[in-house]
Amino acid sequence: MTDDSKTRTGFLPRTMAASLRNLAISVFRQNGQTDSAAALRHTNRDYLSPLTALGLT
């Protein structure tokens, strides 16, 4: 059995990365953080904080 799918990735990876980046920035802003770099450093130390902000933990 062969896979004859002609699906191409196109711009999907780039679009998904931009969407996830925008989601992360929105979560930071929702938490009242205005400095994205500082928020990322904090997230590196406490990876559950964005999940808590979204109500997932």
PDB file of N, CA and C in Angstrom:
ATOM      1  N   MET A   1       0.852  -1.177   0.000  1.00  0.00           N
ATOM      2  CA  MET A   1       0.000   0.000   0.000  1.00  0.00           C
ATOM      3  C   MET A   1       0.896   1.239   0.000  1.00  0.00           C
ATOM      4  N   THR A   2       0.616   2.142  -0.899  1.00  0.00           N
ATOM      5  CA  THR A   2       1.407   3.367  -0.991  1.00  0.00           C
ATOM      6  C   THR A   2       0.558   4.558  -0.584  1.00  0.00           C
ATOM      7  N   ASP A   3       1.225   5.574  -0.142  1.00  0.00           N
ATOM      8  CA  ASP A   3       0.562   6.812   0.244  1.00  0.00           C
ATOM      9  C   ASP A   3       0.657   7.790  -0.915  1.00  0.00           C
ATOM     10  N   ASP A   4      -0.451   8.088  -1.561  1.00  0.00           N
ATOM     11  CA  ASP A   4      -0.472   8.977  -2.717  1.00  0.00           C
ATOM     12  C   ASP A   4      -0.877  10.400  -2.349  1.00  0.00           C
ATOM     13  N   SER A   5      -0.749  10.751  -1.074  1.00  0.00           N
ATOM     14  CA  SER A   5      -1.147  12.074  -0.625  1.00  0.00           C
ATOM     15  C   SER A   5      -0.263  13.143  -1.264  1.00  0.00           C
ATOM     16  N   LYS A   6      -0.889  14.192  -1.741  1.00  0.00           N
ATOM     17  CA  LYS A   6      -0.178  15.307  -2.358  1.00  0.00           C
ATOM     18  C   LYS A   6      -0.159  16.536  -1.447  1.00  0.00           C
ATOM     19  N   THR A   7      -0.430  16.319  -0.178  1.00  0.00           N
ATOM     20  CA  THR A   7      -0.488  17.421   0.776  1.00  0.00           C
ATOM     21  C   THR A   7       0.880  18.072   0.925  1.00  0.00           C
ATOM     22  N   ARG A   8       0.883  19.368   0.865  1.00  0.00           N
ATOM     23  CA  ARG A   8       2.111  20.138   1.043  1.00  0.00           C
ATOM     24  C   ARG A   8       1.988  20.934   2.348  1.00  0.00           C
ATOM     25  N   THR A   9       3.108  21.190   2.982  1.00  0.00           N
ATOM     26  CA  THR A   9       3.066  21.936   4.240  1.00  0.00           C
ATOM     27  C   THR A   9       2.871  23.421   4.003  1.00  0.00           C
ATOM     28  N   GLY A  10       3.427  23.949   2.916  1.00  0.00           N
ATOM     29  CA  GLY A  10       3.237  25.360   2.599  1.00  0.00           C
ATOM     30  C   GLY A  10       3.635  26.273   3.740  1.00  0.00           C
ATOM     31  N   PHE A  11       2.724  27.162   4.110  1.00  0.00           N
ATOM     32  CA  PHE A  11       3.002  28.147   5.151  1.00  0.00           C
ATOM     33  C   PHE A  11       2.502  27.705   6.519  1.00  0.00           C
ATOM     34  N   LEU A  12       1.975  26.503   6.631  1.00  0.00           N
ATOM     35  CA  LEU A  12       1.393  26.052   7.896  1.00  0.00           C
ATOM     36  C   LEU A  12       2.371  26.108   9.070  1.00  0.00           C
ATOM     37  N   PRO A  13       3.595  25.614   8.960  1.00  0.00           N
ATOM     38  CA  PRO A  13       4.499  25.700  10.116  1.00  0.00           C
ATOM     39  C   PRO A  13       4.745  27.136  10.570  1.00  0.00           C
ATOM     40  N   ARG A  14       4.932  28.054   9.620  1.00  0.00           N
ATOM     41  CA  ARG A  14       5.171  29.450   9.962  1.00  0.00           C
ATOM     42  C   ARG A  14       3.939  30.074  10.598  1.00  0.00           C
ATOM     43  N   THR A  15       2.775  29.758  10.067  1.00  0.00           N
ATOM     44  CA  THR A  15       1.520  30.286  10.603  1.00  0.00           C
ATOM     45  C   THR A  15       1.280  29.767  12.013  1.00  0.00           C
ATOM     46  N   MET A  16       1.561  28.486  12.235  1.00  0.00           N
ATOM     47  CA  MET A  16       1.364  27.909  13.561  1.00  0.00           C
ATOM     48  C   MET A  16       2.318  28.527  14.578  1.00  0.00           C
ATOM     49  N   ALA A  17       3.572  28.736  14.189  1.00  0.00           N
ATOM     50  CA  ALA A  17       4.547  29.349  15.096  1.00  0.00           C
ATOM     51  C   ALA A  17       4.116  30.760  15.469  1.00  0.00           C
ATOM     52  N   ALA A  18       3.642  31.527  14.498  1.00  0.00           N
ATOM     53  CA  ALA A  18       3.191  32.898  14.771  1.00  0.00           C
ATOM     54  C   ALA A  18       1.973  32.885  15.686  1.00  0.00           C
ATOM     55  N   SER A  19       1.068  31.947  15.465  1.00  0.00           N
ATOM     56  CA  SER A  19      -0.131  31.854  16.309  1.00  0.00           C
ATOM     57  C   SER A  19       0.235  31.511  17.750  1.00  0.00           C
ATOM     58  N   LEU A  20       1.144  30.569  17.926  1.00  0.00           N
ATOM     59  CA  LEU A  20       1.561  30.187  19.280  1.00  0.00           C
ATOM     60  C   LEU A  20       2.310  31.327  19.961  1.00  0.00           C
ATOM     61  N   ARG A  21       3.131  32.054  19.204  1.00  0.00           N
ATOM     62  CA  ARG A  21       3.838  33.203  19.772  1.00  0.00           C
ATOM     63  C   ARG A  21       2.847  34.271  20.222  1.00  0.00           C
ATOM     64  N   ASN A  22       1.851  34.546  19.404  1.00  0.00           N
ATOM     65  CA  ASN A  22       0.835  35.537  19.757  1.00  0.00           C
ATOM     66  C   ASN A  22       0.019  35.089  20.960  1.00  0.00           C
ATOM     67  N   LEU A  23      -0.258  33.796  21.055  1.00  0.00           N
ATOM     68  CA  LEU A  23      -0.975  33.269  22.222  1.00  0.00           C
ATOM     69  C   LEU A  23      -0.153  33.478  23.485  1.00  0.00           C
ATOM     70  N   ALA A  24       1.146  33.190  23.407  1.00  0.00           N
ATOM     71  CA  ALA A  24       2.012  33.366  24.576  1.00  0.00           C
ATOM     72  C   ALA A  24       2.061  34.827  25.002  1.00  0.00           C
ATOM     73  N   ILE A  25       2.194  35.727  24.051  1.00  0.00           N
ATOM     74  CA  ILE A  25       2.236  37.154  24.373  1.00  0.00           C
ATOM     75  C   ILE A  25       0.913  37.595  24.989  1.00  0.00           C
ATOM     76  N   SER A  26      -0.185  37.087  24.494  1.00  0.00           N
ATOM     77  CA  SER A  26      -1.500  37.436  25.051  1.00  0.00           C
ATOM     78  C   SER A  26      -1.649  36.945  26.487  1.00  0.00           C
ATOM     79  N   VAL A  27      -1.140  35.744  26.761  1.00  0.00           N
ATOM     80  CA  VAL A  27      -1.201  35.226  28.133  1.00  0.00           C
ATOM     81  C   VAL A  27      -0.361  36.090  29.056  1.00  0.00           C
ATOM     82  N   PHE A  28       0.821  36.511  28.601  1.00  0.00           N
ATOM     83  CA  PHE A  28       1.656  37.388  29.414  1.00  0.00           C
ATOM     84  C   PHE A  28       0.939  38.699  29.703  1.00  0.00           C
ATOM     85  N   ARG A  29       0.342  39.285  28.689  1.00  0.00           N
ATOM     86  CA  ARG A  29      -0.366  40.563  28.873  1.00  0.00           C
ATOM     87  C   ARG A  29      -1.576  40.399  29.773  1.00  0.00           C
ATOM     88  N   GLN A  30      -2.247  39.260  29.674  1.00  0.00           N
ATOM     89  CA  GLN A  30      -3.407  38.998  30.538  1.00  0.00           C
ATOM     90  C   GLN A  30      -2.975  38.973  32.001  1.00  0.00           C
ATOM     91  N   ASN A  31      -1.766  38.525  32.241  1.00  0.00           N
ATOM     92  CA  ASN A  31      -1.209  38.487  33.597  1.00  0.00           C
ATOM     93  C   ASN A  31      -0.669  39.827  34.044  1.00  0.00           C
ATOM     94  N   GLY A  32      -0.737  40.840  33.180  1.00  0.00           N
ATOM     95  CA  GLY A  32      -0.256  42.163  33.541  1.00  0.00           C
ATOM     96  C   GLY A  32       1.212  42.386  33.268  1.00  0.00           C
ATOM     97  N   GLN A  33       1.855  41.463  32.577  1.00  0.00           N
ATOM     98  CA  GLN A  33       3.270  41.610  32.261  1.00  0.00           C
ATOM     99  C   GLN A  33       3.403  42.350  30.936  1.00  0.00           C
ATOM    100  N   THR A  34       4.235  43.385  30.931  1.00  0.00           N
ATOM    101  CA  THR A  34       4.411  44.175  29.716  1.00  0.00           C
ATOM    102  C   THR A  34       5.738  43.884  29.028  1.00  0.00           C
ATOM    103  N   ASP A  35       6.671  43.284  29.730  1.00  0.00           N
ATOM    104  CA  ASP A  35       7.987  42.960  29.179  1.00  0.00           C
ATOM    105  C   ASP A  35       8.008  41.473  28.814  1.00  0.00           C
ATOM    106  N   SER A  36       7.911  41.175  27.522  1.00  0.00           N
ATOM    107  CA  SER A  36       7.844  39.786  27.069  1.00  0.00           C
ATOM    108  C   SER A  36       9.106  39.011  27.416  1.00  0.00           C
ATOM    109  N   ALA A  37      10.261  39.650  27.303  1.00  0.00           N
ATOM    110  CA  ALA A  37      11.521  38.961  27.608  1.00  0.00           C
ATOM    111  C   ALA A  37      11.572  38.561  29.079  1.00  0.00           C
ATOM    112  N   ALA A  38      11.185  39.453  29.962  1.00  0.00           N
ATOM    113  CA  ALA A  38      11.169  39.131  31.390  1.00  0.00           C
ATOM    114  C   ALA A  38      10.150  38.033  31.682  1.00  0.00           C
ATOM    115  N   ALA A  39       9.023  38.097  31.006  1.00  0.00           N
ATOM    116  CA  ALA A  39       7.992  37.071  31.199  1.00  0.00           C
ATOM    117  C   ALA A  39       8.497  35.704  30.746  1.00  0.00           C
ATOM    118  N   LEU A  40       9.237  35.661  29.646  1.00  0.00           N
ATOM    119  CA  LEU A  40       9.805  34.394  29.181  1.00  0.00           C
ATOM    120  C   LEU A  40      10.831  33.854  30.170  1.00  0.00           C
ATOM    121  N   ARG A  41      11.656  34.744  30.736  1.00  0.00           N
ATOM    122  CA  ARG A  41      12.628  34.291  31.730  1.00  0.00           C
ATOM    123  C   ARG A  41      11.912  33.715  32.947  1.00  0.00           C
ATOM    124  N   HIS A  42      10.837  34.372  33.369  1.00  0.00           N
ATOM    125  CA  HIS A  42      10.063  33.866  34.502  1.00  0.00           C
ATOM    126  C   HIS A  42       9.445  32.513  34.174  1.00  0.00           C
ATOM    127  N   THR A  43       8.939  32.378  32.954  1.00  0.00           N
ATOM    128  CA  THR A  43       8.323  31.129  32.531  1.00  0.00           C
ATOM    129  C   THR A  43       9.351  30.005  32.487  1.00  0.00           C
ATOM    130  N   ASN A  44      10.611  30.325  32.169  1.00  0.00           N
ATOM    131  CA  ASN A  44      11.662  29.311  32.190  1.00  0.00           C
ATOM    132  C   ASN A  44      11.872  28.761  33.589  1.00  0.00           C
ATOM    133  N   ARG A  45      11.665  29.602  34.598  1.00  0.00           N
ATOM    134  CA  ARG A  45      11.820  29.154  35.985  1.00  0.00           C
ATOM    135  C   ARG A  45      10.553  28.495  36.522  1.00  0.00           C
ATOM    136  N   ASP A  46       9.394  28.969  36.095  1.00  0.00           N
ATOM    137  CA  ASP A  46       8.116  28.451  36.594  1.00  0.00           C
ATOM    138  C   ASP A  46       7.208  28.165  35.403  1.00  0.00           C
ATOM    139  N   TYR A  47       7.364  26.977  34.819  1.00  0.00           N
ATOM    140  CA  TYR A  47       6.652  26.650  33.597  1.00  0.00           C
ATOM    141  C   TYR A  47       5.149  26.480  33.781  1.00  0.00           C
ATOM    142  N   LEU A  48       4.679  26.382  35.004  1.00  0.00           N
ATOM    143  CA  LEU A  48       3.242  26.222  35.237  1.00  0.00           C
ATOM    144  C   LEU A  48       2.487  27.544  35.265  1.00  0.00           C
ATOM    145  N   SER A  49       3.196  28.670  35.344  1.00  0.00           N
ATOM    146  CA  SER A  49       2.507  29.953  35.460  1.00  0.00           C
ATOM    147  C   SER A  49       1.606  30.272  34.262  1.00  0.00           C
ATOM    148  N   PRO A  50       2.010  30.014  33.012  1.00  0.00           N
ATOM    149  CA  PRO A  50       1.069  30.270  31.912  1.00  0.00           C
ATOM    150  C   PRO A  50      -0.153  29.361  31.955  1.00  0.00           C
ATOM    151  N   LEU A  51       0.051  28.123  32.384  1.00  0.00           N
ATOM    152  CA  LEU A  51      -1.084  27.190  32.491  1.00  0.00           C
ATOM    153  C   LEU A  51      -2.047  27.639  33.574  1.00  0.00           C
ATOM    154  N   THR A  52      -1.504  28.160  34.664  1.00  0.00           N
ATOM    155  CA  THR A  52      -2.341  28.678  35.740  1.00  0.00           C
ATOM    156  C   THR A  52      -3.121  29.894  35.245  1.00  0.00           C
ATOM    157  N   ALA A  53      -2.467  30.748  34.470  1.00  0.00           N
ATOM    158  CA  ALA A  53      -3.142  31.946  33.937  1.00  0.00           C
ATOM    159  C   ALA A  53      -4.295  31.570  33.021  1.00  0.00           C
ATOM    160  N   LEU A  54      -4.163  30.445  32.330  1.00  0.00           N
ATOM    161  CA  LEU A  54      -5.229  29.986  31.443  1.00  0.00           C
ATOM    162  C   LEU A  54      -6.270  29.143  32.180  1.00  0.00           C
ATOM    163  N   GLY A  55      -6.038  28.890  33.462  1.00  0.00           N
ATOM    164  CA  GLY A  55      -6.980  28.082  34.242  1.00  0.00           C
ATOM    165  C   GLY A  55      -6.873  26.598  33.962  1.00  0.00           C
ATOM    166  N   LEU A  56      -5.706  26.147  33.544  1.00  0.00           N
ATOM    167  CA  LEU A  56      -5.533  24.741  33.194  1.00  0.00           C
ATOM    168  C   LEU A  56      -4.884  23.911  34.303  1.00  0.00           C
ATOM    169  N   THR A  57      -4.531  24.547  35.416  1.00  0.00           N
ATOM    170  CA  THR A  57      -3.963  23.778  36.519  1.00  0.00           C
ATOM    171  C   THR A  57      -4.720  24.068  37.789  1.00  0.00           C
TER     172      THR A  57
END
